[in-house]
C-alpha cells in the first residue's frame, strides 16, 4: 500500500514543478545564430512587453546587424 502512495506523491510533485526552464545565455546565442545564420556579437538579458528575453545582436552573412529576441522561458526566437 505504501508504494502507490509514494508513486502518486512523486507524480504530483513532478506535475507541480514549473513547465518552463530558464534558457541560458549560450542557448539563446545558439538559437539566434541558428535562426539568422549569422555570427553572434553580444547577448544581454532584458524585458520585452513584460517578459524576460535575451537580446542577441547578430552580424548576418550579408553584413547587416540584426537584433534577435529569444524568450528566456522557452527559447523561441522573435
C-alpha atoms as a PDB file:
ATOM      1  CA  UNK A   1       0.000   0.000   0.000  1.00  0.00           C
ATOM      2  CA  UNK A   2       2.949   2.304   0.633  1.00  0.00           C
ATOM      3  CA  UNK A   3       4.353   2.035  -2.928  1.00  0.00           C
ATOM      4  CA  UNK A   4       1.277   3.515  -4.665  1.00  0.00           C
ATOM      5  CA  UNK A   5       1.246   6.450  -2.241  1.00  0.00           C
ATOM      6  CA  UNK A   6       4.923   7.137  -2.925  1.00  0.00           C
ATOM      7  CA  UNK A   7       4.366   6.856  -6.678  1.00  0.00           C
ATOM      8  CA  UNK A   8       1.357   9.175  -6.610  1.00  0.00           C
ATOM      9  CA  UNK A   9       3.251  11.668  -4.435  1.00  0.00           C
ATOM     10  CA  UNK A  10       6.203  11.670  -6.812  1.00  0.00           C
ATOM     11  CA  UNK A  11       3.892  12.179  -9.790  1.00  0.00           C
ATOM     12  CA  UNK A  12       2.104  15.079  -8.117  1.00  0.00           C
ATOM     13  CA  UNK A  13       5.431  16.677  -7.204  1.00  0.00           C
ATOM     14  CA  UNK A  14       6.650  16.389 -10.794  1.00  0.00           C
ATOM     15  CA  UNK A  15       3.466  17.979 -12.086  1.00  0.00           C
ATOM     16  CA  UNK A  16       3.721  20.822  -9.580  1.00  0.00           C
ATOM     17  CA  UNK A  17       7.138  21.978 -10.800  1.00  0.00           C
ATOM     18  CA  UNK A  18       7.169  24.764 -13.400  1.00  0.00           C
ATOM     19  CA  UNK A  19       6.973  23.629 -17.005  1.00  0.00           C
ATOM     20  CA  UNK A  20       9.317  26.359 -18.251  1.00  0.00           C
ATOM     21  CA  UNK A  21      13.022  26.250 -17.820  1.00  0.00           C
ATOM     22  CA  UNK A  22      15.324  29.209 -17.826  1.00  0.00           C
ATOM     23  CA  UNK A  23      17.146  29.427 -21.159  1.00  0.00           C
ATOM     24  CA  UNK A  24      20.877  30.019 -20.705  1.00  0.00           C
ATOM     25  CA  UNK A  25      22.886  32.764 -22.398  1.00  0.00           C
ATOM     26  CA  UNK A  26      24.636  30.133 -24.539  1.00  0.00           C
ATOM     27  CA  UNK A  27      21.334  28.513 -25.553  1.00  0.00           C
ATOM     28  CA  UNK A  28      19.937  31.929 -26.521  1.00  0.00           C
ATOM     29  CA  UNK A  29      23.033  32.683 -28.601  1.00  0.00           C
ATOM     30  CA  UNK A  30      22.738  29.314 -30.348  1.00  0.00           C
ATOM     31  CA  UNK A  31      19.033  29.868 -31.099  1.00  0.00           C
ATOM     32  CA  UNK A  32      19.718  33.339 -32.532  1.00  0.00           C
ATOM     33  CA  UNK A  33      22.638  32.053 -34.601  1.00  0.00           C
ATOM     34  CA  UNK A  34      20.515  29.217 -35.967  1.00  0.00           C
ATOM     35  CA  UNK A  35      17.593  31.494 -36.876  1.00  0.00           C
ATOM     36  CA  UNK A  36      19.745  34.178 -38.524  1.00  0.00           C
ATOM     37  CA  UNK A  37      22.663  32.206 -39.921  1.00  0.00           C
ATOM     38  CA  UNK A  38      24.943  34.953 -38.655  1.00  0.00           C
ATOM     39  CA  UNK A  39      27.664  35.471 -36.069  1.00  0.00           C
ATOM     40  CA  UNK A  40      26.643  36.416 -32.525  1.00  0.00           C
ATOM     41  CA  UNK A  41      28.200  39.686 -31.381  1.00  0.00           C
ATOM     42  CA  UNK A  42      26.533  40.273 -27.996  1.00  0.00           C
ATOM     43  CA  UNK A  43      23.914  38.781 -25.675  1.00  0.00           C
ATOM     44  CA  UNK A  44      22.121  40.547 -22.832  1.00  0.00           C
ATOM     45  CA  UNK A  45      19.067  39.786 -20.736  1.00  0.00           C
ATOM     46  CA  UNK A  46      16.281  42.357 -20.784  1.00  0.00           C
ATOM     47  CA  UNK A  47      12.487  42.762 -20.730  1.00  0.00           C
ATOM     48  CA  UNK A  48      10.192  42.935 -23.763  1.00  0.00           C
ATOM     49  CA  UNK A  49       6.468  43.528 -23.247  1.00  0.00           C
ATOM     50  CA  UNK A  50       6.820  42.477 -19.625  1.00  0.00           C
ATOM     51  CA  UNK A  51       8.578  39.184 -20.254  1.00  0.00           C
ATOM     52  CA  UNK A  52      12.203  38.202 -19.809  1.00  0.00           C
ATOM     53  CA  UNK A  53      14.081  37.857 -23.081  1.00  0.00           C
ATOM     54  CA  UNK A  54      17.624  37.550 -24.309  1.00  0.00           C
ATOM     55  CA  UNK A  55      18.543  40.343 -26.739  1.00  0.00           C
ATOM     56  CA  UNK A  56      21.076  38.893 -29.158  1.00  0.00           C
ATOM     57  CA  UNK A  57      22.988  41.106 -31.590  1.00  0.00           C
ATOM     58  CA  UNK A  58      23.950  39.189 -34.727  1.00  0.00           C
ATOM     59  CA  UNK A  59      26.062  40.006 -37.790  1.00  0.00           C
ATOM     60  CA  UNK A  60      24.294  38.383 -40.749  1.00  0.00           C
ATOM     61  CA  UNK A  61      26.152  36.798 -43.677  1.00  0.00           C
ATOM     62  CA  UNK A  62      25.069  39.858 -45.717  1.00  0.00           C
ATOM     63  CA  UNK A  63      26.968  42.123 -43.307  1.00  0.00           C
ATOM     64  CA  UNK A  64      23.891  43.549 -41.570  1.00  0.00           C
ATOM     65  CA  UNK A  65      23.474  43.916 -37.823  1.00  0.00           C
ATOM     66  CA  UNK A  66      20.277  42.251 -36.647  1.00  0.00           C
ATOM     67  CA  UNK A  67      18.695  42.004 -33.192  1.00  0.00           C
ATOM     68  CA  UNK A  68      17.093  38.666 -32.368  1.00  0.00           C
ATOM     69  CA  UNK A  69      14.954  38.341 -29.241  1.00  0.00           C
ATOM     70  CA  UNK A  70      14.898  34.934 -27.565  1.00  0.00           C
ATOM     71  CA  UNK A  71      12.237  34.121 -24.986  1.00  0.00           C
ATOM     72  CA  UNK A  72      14.112  33.391 -21.737  1.00  0.00           C
ATOM     73  CA  UNK A  73      11.489  30.859 -20.662  1.00  0.00           C
ATOM     74  CA  UNK A  74      11.153  28.665 -23.742  1.00  0.00           C
ATOM     75  CA  UNK A  75      13.939  29.617 -26.194  1.00  0.00           C
ATOM     76  CA  UNK A  76      11.659  30.736 -29.017  1.00  0.00           C
ATOM     77  CA  UNK A  77      13.034  33.485 -31.242  1.00  0.00           C
ATOM     78  CA  UNK A  78      11.099  36.503 -32.414  1.00  0.00           C
END
